[in-house]
C-alpha cells in the first residue's frame, strides 16, 4: 500500500497470527472487523508508527524448468495400502452431515479427517479438499476453521474433505520435535508428509460411492495457498484450484528446492483462481500476492476484493462458487 490509514492487526475474526500485523486501509473502506483496539501494548512496541517503505517493488522469482520439477516428484511418491477406514463420529446439522473418519497414514500413524456431506445436493457430490490456514497448528480445530471458511460452499451443494494434518492441535507432533528452519531437510520432509496425507485423503474419497472423484477441487487458505501451495502441484487428481489469501512469503525462503513454492507454482496444472483482499496485512498484494500470480501459468485468474487477509464471506463466497461452477460444472440438486 502507498496510502490509506494504518491499522493494528487482530480483529475478533482474524487468525491468531494476525495480532502482530499492521495493515493499511483505504479511507472509504468499512468493515465490522475494524474498530478500536482494547489492548495495552508493551513499552518496547512501536505502536505501529514504524516507517512504511513506499519504494518496495514487486519481487520477481525464477522457478526451475519442467524437467527438474518432474524430478522433484519422486520425493512425493508413497506406497498405496489398505486404509482400514473407520467412522469415529457423525454429526447431523441443518445443512450437512459431518463425518469424522480415521484411516491409516504414513508409518502406520492414524490420520483423522472431517468429511462434510451437503443435504440438498444430488449424489455423487463434487468435493473440495481443504488445505488449511496455519492457525490449525496453534489455536483452532480443523473442523472449526473449515466450517468458518467453507460453510457457504457446503450449503451450495459441494462436499468438503478437511484432513487433520500431522501437527494440528488434534494430531500434535511429539514433544521432541523442533520447529524446522525453511532451508532444512526436516522442513521438506514435513511438506512431503502433509502432501502424502492429503493424497491419502483422496484415496479414501475414492472408496466412497457418494463422492465424484473426477470433480475434486483444491482450496488452500493462506498457509495452504502460500508456503504449502505445492500441495496442489504434486497431486494430479484436482480439476480446479483455489488459492485464498495466497502469496510468496519471502520469510520462507530459501528452502530445499523440492519444497519451494516458487518451483511448484508454475506446474499447478488445473485452472487456478487467486482470490485476495486488497488490504491483506499478511500477504500484501504487490509484494506477495502478485509475485505468486506471475508464477502461475494459464489457465489462471485473480480477483481482488475489499478486505484484509481473509476476504469477507459475502464477497468471496459467490466468486468461489461461480469459479467451481465454471471448472467442475454446476451442482445438481435433489
Protein backbone atom coordinates (compact mmCIF):
# COMPACT_ATOMS: atom_id res chain seq x y z
CA UNK A 1 0.00 0.00 0.00
CA UNK A 2 1.18 3.52 -0.76
CA UNK A 3 -1.58 5.31 1.13
CA UNK A 4 -4.58 4.91 3.36
CA UNK A 5 -4.88 4.58 7.11
CA UNK A 6 -2.81 2.31 9.34
CA UNK A 7 -4.50 -0.40 11.41
CA UNK A 8 -3.18 -2.68 14.12
CA UNK A 9 -3.94 -6.32 13.33
CA UNK A 10 -6.10 -8.77 15.18
CA UNK A 11 -9.85 -8.35 14.98
CA UNK A 12 -12.26 -10.82 16.55
CA UNK A 13 -12.47 -12.79 13.27
CA UNK A 14 -8.75 -12.89 12.44
CA UNK A 15 -6.49 -15.93 12.92
CA UNK A 16 -4.18 -15.67 15.91
CA UNK A 17 -1.06 -14.80 13.92
CA UNK A 18 -2.66 -11.57 12.64
CA UNK A 19 -2.41 -9.91 16.05
CA UNK A 20 1.18 -8.85 15.38
CA UNK A 21 0.48 -7.44 11.90
CA UNK A 22 -0.20 -3.93 10.70
CA UNK A 23 -2.35 -3.01 7.73
CA UNK A 24 -3.26 -0.01 5.59
CA UNK A 25 -6.86 0.50 4.50
CA UNK A 26 -8.44 2.99 2.15
CA UNK A 27 -10.27 5.78 3.96
CA UNK A 28 -13.60 4.72 2.44
CA UNK A 29 -13.25 1.06 3.45
CA UNK A 30 -15.72 -0.11 6.10
CA UNK A 31 -15.90 -3.45 7.88
CA UNK A 32 -17.45 -4.93 11.02
CA UNK A 33 -13.92 -6.09 11.95
CA UNK A 34 -12.44 -2.57 12.06
CA UNK A 35 -12.79 -0.60 15.26
CA UNK A 36 -10.73 0.41 18.25
CA UNK A 37 -8.34 -1.99 19.91
CA UNK A 38 -8.78 -2.83 23.61
CA UNK A 39 -5.20 -3.89 24.24
CA UNK A 40 -2.24 -2.33 26.04
CA UNK A 41 0.99 -2.75 24.10
CA UNK A 42 4.32 -3.30 25.83
CA UNK A 43 6.67 -0.36 26.27
CA UNK A 44 9.09 -1.63 23.61
CA UNK A 45 6.37 -1.78 20.93
CA UNK A 46 6.35 0.98 18.32
CA UNK A 47 2.52 1.15 18.33
CA UNK A 48 2.51 0.87 14.55
CA UNK A 49 4.40 4.11 13.97
CA UNK A 50 7.23 2.46 12.04
CA UNK A 51 8.06 3.89 8.63
CA UNK A 52 6.35 2.21 5.68
CA UNK A 53 8.66 1.57 2.72
CA UNK A 54 6.85 3.14 -0.24
CA UNK A 55 9.63 2.14 -2.67
CA UNK A 56 9.29 -1.60 -2.15
CA UNK A 57 8.82 -3.19 -5.56
CA UNK A 58 7.13 -6.40 -6.64
CA UNK A 59 9.71 -9.21 -6.38
CA UNK A 60 10.36 -11.49 -9.34
CA UNK A 61 11.23 -15.15 -8.79
CA UNK A 62 12.77 -17.72 -11.12
CA UNK A 63 11.46 -21.30 -10.83
CA UNK A 64 13.19 -24.45 -12.05
CA UNK A 65 12.48 -25.85 -15.52
CA UNK A 66 9.83 -28.52 -16.01
CA UNK A 67 12.30 -31.40 -16.30
CA UNK A 68 13.82 -30.50 -12.93
CA UNK A 69 10.37 -30.08 -11.40
CA UNK A 70 9.37 -33.57 -12.54
CA UNK A 71 12.48 -34.98 -10.86
CA UNK A 72 11.28 -33.46 -7.56
CA UNK A 73 8.08 -35.51 -7.68
CA UNK A 74 9.98 -38.66 -6.68
CA UNK A 75 10.04 -37.24 -3.14
CA UNK A 76 6.23 -37.30 -3.11
CA UNK A 77 5.68 -40.92 -4.09
CA UNK A 78 4.11 -43.13 -1.45
CA UNK A 79 3.07 -46.74 -1.07
CA UNK A 80 -0.64 -47.44 -1.51
CA UNK A 81 -2.02 -49.79 1.12
CA UNK A 82 -5.39 -50.66 2.67
CA UNK A 83 -6.68 -47.64 4.57
CA UNK A 84 -8.64 -49.54 7.23
CA UNK A 85 -11.00 -46.55 7.43
CA UNK A 86 -13.36 -46.26 10.39
CA UNK A 87 -16.10 -43.78 11.25
CA UNK A 88 -15.42 -42.16 14.62
CA UNK A 89 -18.33 -39.76 14.84
CA UNK A 90 -21.29 -38.48 12.83
CA UNK A 91 -22.88 -35.09 13.44
CA UNK A 92 -26.15 -34.11 11.78
CA UNK A 93 -26.85 -30.39 11.24
CA UNK A 94 -29.45 -28.43 9.32
CA UNK A 95 -27.22 -28.05 6.25
CA UNK A 96 -24.82 -31.01 6.26
CA UNK A 97 -23.77 -34.27 7.82
CA UNK A 98 -20.24 -34.17 9.25
CA UNK A 99 -18.39 -37.46 9.46
CA UNK A 100 -15.19 -37.79 11.45
CA UNK A 101 -13.08 -40.57 9.96
CA UNK A 102 -9.77 -42.23 10.79
CA UNK A 103 -7.60 -44.17 8.35
CA UNK A 104 -4.05 -45.49 8.06
CA UNK A 105 -1.38 -42.88 7.40
CA UNK A 106 2.37 -42.83 6.91
CA UNK A 107 4.29 -45.33 9.01
CA UNK A 108 1.12 -46.80 10.50
CA UNK A 109 0.01 -43.50 12.05
CA UNK A 110 -3.75 -42.88 12.08
CA UNK A 111 -4.97 -39.86 10.15
CA UNK A 112 -8.18 -38.10 11.11
CA UNK A 113 -10.35 -36.23 8.63
CA UNK A 114 -13.70 -34.46 8.55
CA UNK A 115 -16.00 -35.11 5.60
CA UNK A 116 -18.92 -32.73 5.11
CA UNK A 117 -21.83 -34.03 3.04
CA UNK A 118 -24.39 -31.46 1.86
CA UNK A 119 -28.04 -32.27 2.47
CA UNK A 120 -29.74 -30.76 -0.55
CA UNK A 121 -27.48 -31.74 -3.46
CA UNK A 122 -27.74 -34.89 -5.53
CA UNK A 123 -25.11 -37.61 -5.19
CA UNK A 124 -22.35 -38.21 -6.11
CA UNK A 125 -21.02 -34.93 -4.72
CA UNK A 126 -18.31 -32.76 -6.09
CA UNK A 127 -15.73 -32.30 -3.32
CA UNK A 128 -13.40 -29.55 -2.10
CA UNK A 129 -10.17 -30.78 -0.49
CA UNK A 130 -9.15 -28.19 2.08
CA UNK A 131 -5.56 -27.16 2.87
CA UNK A 132 -5.98 -25.00 5.97
CA UNK A 133 -4.54 -21.80 7.36
CA UNK A 134 -1.69 -22.11 9.84
CA UNK A 135 -3.84 -21.40 12.91
CA UNK A 136 -4.96 -25.07 12.95
CA UNK A 137 -1.47 -25.84 14.27
CA UNK A 138 -1.76 -23.40 17.18
CA UNK A 139 -5.27 -22.46 18.23
CA UNK A 140 -8.12 -23.63 16.00
CA UNK A 141 -9.57 -27.07 15.38
CA UNK A 142 -9.57 -28.06 11.72
CA UNK A 143 -13.34 -28.56 11.81
CA UNK A 144 -13.94 -25.08 13.25
CA UNK A 145 -11.79 -23.40 10.60
CA UNK A 146 -13.28 -25.47 7.78
CA UNK A 147 -16.81 -24.52 8.81
CA UNK A 148 -15.89 -20.84 9.14
CA UNK A 149 -14.32 -20.72 5.68
CA UNK A 150 -16.28 -23.30 3.70
CA UNK A 151 -19.82 -23.35 5.10
CA UNK A 152 -21.24 -21.37 2.11
CA UNK A 153 -19.84 -23.93 -0.32
CA UNK A 154 -21.22 -26.91 1.58
CA UNK A 155 -24.62 -25.20 1.71
CA UNK A 156 -24.29 -24.66 -2.05
CA UNK A 157 -24.07 -28.42 -2.56
CA UNK A 158 -20.42 -29.45 -2.51
CA UNK A 159 -18.79 -31.86 -0.10
CA UNK A 160 -15.64 -30.85 1.79
CA UNK A 161 -12.77 -33.04 2.97
CA UNK A 162 -10.69 -31.46 5.74
CA UNK A 163 -7.76 -33.69 6.71
CA UNK A 164 -6.30 -33.13 10.18
CA UNK A 165 -2.67 -32.88 9.13
CA UNK A 166 0.13 -34.01 11.41
CA UNK A 167 0.99 -31.21 13.83
CA UNK A 168 -2.55 -29.81 14.01
CA UNK A 169 -3.92 -29.48 17.52
CA UNK A 170 -5.82 -32.76 17.23
CA UNK A 171 -2.69 -34.62 16.00
CA UNK A 172 0.19 -32.84 17.63
CA UNK A 173 3.85 -33.51 16.96
CA UNK A 174 5.85 -35.35 19.61
CA UNK A 175 7.37 -33.33 22.43
CA UNK A 176 10.88 -33.71 20.98
CA UNK A 177 10.02 -32.10 17.64
CA UNK A 178 11.86 -28.84 16.89
CA UNK A 179 10.37 -26.25 14.55
CA UNK A 180 12.39 -26.63 11.33
CA UNK A 181 14.12 -23.80 9.51
CA UNK A 182 12.72 -23.35 5.98
CA UNK A 183 16.05 -24.35 4.42
CA UNK A 184 16.27 -27.59 6.42
CA UNK A 185 15.66 -31.13 5.19
CA UNK A 186 13.17 -31.54 8.05
CA UNK A 187 11.06 -28.71 6.58
CA UNK A 188 10.99 -30.52 3.24
CA UNK A 189 10.11 -33.84 4.90
CA UNK A 190 7.19 -32.26 6.73
CA UNK A 191 5.84 -30.80 3.48
CA UNK A 192 6.15 -34.24 1.86
CA UNK A 193 4.30 -35.77 4.83
CA UNK A 194 1.44 -33.29 4.56
CA UNK A 195 1.20 -33.78 0.79
CA UNK A 196 1.01 -37.54 1.34
CA UNK A 197 -1.70 -37.17 3.99
CA UNK A 198 -3.84 -35.08 1.63
CA UNK A 199 -3.34 -37.67 -1.12
CA UNK A 200 -4.33 -40.46 1.27
CA UNK A 201 -7.46 -38.44 1.98
CA UNK A 202 -8.26 -38.53 -1.75
CA UNK A 203 -7.56 -42.28 -1.76
CA UNK A 204 -10.21 -42.54 0.94
CA UNK A 205 -12.67 -40.48 -1.12
CA UNK A 206 -12.23 -42.98 -3.97
CA UNK A 207 -13.70 -45.68 -1.72
CA UNK A 208 -16.94 -43.68 -1.42
CA UNK A 209 -19.78 -44.05 -3.89
CA UNK A 210 -21.24 -40.70 -2.79
CA UNK A 211 -18.17 -38.67 -3.92
CA UNK A 212 -17.37 -37.90 -7.56
CA UNK A 213 -13.56 -38.08 -7.52
CA UNK A 214 -13.45 -36.84 -11.10
CA UNK A 215 -14.61 -33.46 -9.77
CA UNK A 216 -12.23 -32.55 -6.99
CA UNK A 217 -11.09 -29.03 -6.15
CA UNK A 218 -8.15 -27.93 -4.00
CA UNK A 219 -8.82 -24.93 -1.78
CA UNK A 220 -5.86 -23.60 0.15
CA UNK A 221 -6.15 -20.78 2.69
CA UNK A 222 -3.09 -18.62 3.45
CA UNK A 223 -0.65 -21.38 4.59
CA UNK A 224 -2.30 -23.76 2.12
CA UNK A 225 -2.08 -21.06 -0.57
CA UNK A 226 1.37 -19.83 0.38
CA UNK A 227 4.32 -21.84 1.64
CA UNK A 228 2.34 -25.09 1.07
CA UNK A 229 0.72 -24.29 -2.27
CA UNK A 230 2.94 -27.00 -3.77
CA UNK A 231 0.47 -29.50 -2.29
CA UNK A 232 -1.74 -28.63 -5.25
CA UNK A 233 1.07 -29.29 -7.75
CA UNK A 234 2.10 -32.78 -6.65
CA UNK A 235 -1.42 -34.28 -6.71
CA UNK A 236 -2.76 -34.84 -10.27
CA UNK A 237 -6.37 -35.59 -9.29
CA UNK A 238 -7.50 -31.99 -8.81
CA UNK A 239 -9.60 -30.43 -11.57
CA UNK A 240 -9.75 -26.94 -10.05
CA UNK A 241 -7.52 -24.97 -7.66
CA UNK A 242 -8.46 -22.02 -5.43
CA UNK A 243 -5.74 -20.09 -3.62
CA UNK A 244 -7.40 -17.91 -1.00
CA UNK A 245 -5.23 -15.19 0.59
CA UNK A 246 -2.19 -16.64 -1.17
CA UNK A 247 1.28 -15.25 -1.69
CA UNK A 248 5.01 -15.87 -1.88
CA UNK A 249 6.33 -15.12 1.61
CA UNK A 250 9.97 -14.03 1.40
CA UNK A 251 10.45 -15.06 5.04
CA UNK A 252 10.05 -18.71 4.00
CA UNK A 253 12.99 -18.55 1.59
CA UNK A 254 15.31 -20.19 0.89
CA UNK A 255 14.06 -23.76 1.13
CA UNK A 256 15.25 -27.05 -0.25
CA UNK A 257 14.33 -26.87 -3.97
CA UNK A 258 11.99 -29.89 -3.63
CA UNK A 259 9.92 -27.90 -1.11
CA UNK A 260 9.95 -24.45 -2.69
CA UNK A 261 6.58 -22.97 -3.60
CA UNK A 262 8.44 -20.85 -6.16
CA UNK A 263 9.41 -24.03 -8.01
CA UNK A 264 5.99 -25.63 -7.74
CA UNK A 265 3.65 -22.72 -8.53
CA UNK A 266 4.18 -22.79 -12.34
CA UNK A 267 3.37 -26.50 -12.50
CA UNK A 268 -0.06 -26.45 -10.87
CA UNK A 269 -1.94 -27.64 -13.94
CA UNK A 270 -5.69 -27.20 -13.32
CA UNK A 271 -7.41 -23.82 -13.73
CA UNK A 272 -6.34 -21.60 -10.85
CA UNK A 273 -8.15 -18.81 -9.00
CA UNK A 274 -6.12 -16.49 -6.77
CA UNK A 275 -8.52 -14.56 -4.54
CA UNK A 276 -7.01 -11.94 -2.23
CA UNK A 277 -8.04 -8.93 -0.17
CA UNK A 278 -6.83 -5.55 -1.40
CA UNK A 279 -5.68 -4.72 2.10
CA UNK A 280 -4.22 -8.08 3.08
CA UNK A 281 -1.96 -7.46 6.08
CA UNK A 282 -0.26 -10.88 5.90
CA UNK A 283 0.19 -11.31 2.14
CA UNK A 284 0.16 -7.78 0.65
CA UNK A 285 -0.84 -7.88 -2.99
CA UNK A 286 2.08 -6.09 -4.62
CA UNK A 287 4.85 -7.80 -2.62
CA UNK A 288 3.43 -11.32 -2.14
CA UNK A 289 0.16 -11.89 -3.99
CA UNK A 290 1.19 -10.52 -7.39
CA UNK A 291 4.55 -12.40 -7.40
CA UNK A 292 2.55 -15.61 -6.91
CA UNK A 293 0.15 -14.74 -9.69
CA UNK A 294 3.09 -14.01 -12.00
CA UNK A 295 4.48 -17.51 -11.29
CA UNK A 296 1.20 -19.27 -12.06
CA UNK A 297 0.60 -20.31 -15.66
CA UNK A 298 -2.58 -20.23 -17.70
CA UNK A 299 -5.37 -21.01 -17.18
CA UNK A 300 -5.45 -18.64 -14.23
CA UNK A 301 -7.47 -15.77 -12.83
CA UNK A 302 -7.06 -13.33 -9.98
CA UNK A 303 -9.71 -11.37 -8.11
CA UNK A 304 -9.04 -8.63 -5.57
CA UNK A 305 -11.87 -7.70 -3.22
CA UNK A 306 -12.26 -5.13 -0.46
CA UNK A 307 -10.97 -6.70 2.71
CA UNK A 308 -7.97 -7.92 4.63
CA UNK A 309 -6.26 -11.29 4.90
CA UNK A 310 -9.49 -13.33 4.91
CA UNK A 311 -11.82 -11.52 2.49
CA UNK A 312 -15.40 -11.05 3.77
CA UNK A 313 -17.58 -14.08 3.21
CA UNK A 314 -20.24 -12.08 1.36
CA UNK A 315 -17.61 -11.15 -1.25
CA UNK A 316 -15.54 -14.31 -1.50
CA UNK A 317 -18.27 -16.98 -1.41
CA UNK A 318 -20.09 -16.01 -4.64
CA UNK A 319 -16.79 -15.70 -6.51
CA UNK A 320 -15.61 -19.14 -5.38
CA UNK A 321 -18.97 -20.79 -6.10
CA UNK A 322 -19.03 -19.31 -9.60
CA UNK A 323 -15.45 -20.49 -10.19
CA UNK A 324 -16.36 -24.02 -9.11
CA UNK A 325 -19.41 -23.97 -11.39
CA UNK A 326 -17.16 -22.98 -14.30
CA UNK A 327 -14.40 -25.51 -13.62
CA UNK A 328 -16.29 -28.51 -12.17
CA UNK A 329 -19.78 -27.95 -13.50
CA UNK A 330 -22.88 -26.78 -11.70
CA UNK A 331 -24.24 -28.71 -8.74
CA UNK A 332 -27.25 -30.93 -9.28
CA UNK A 333 -29.93 -30.81 -6.62
CA UNK A 334 -32.40 -33.45 -5.48
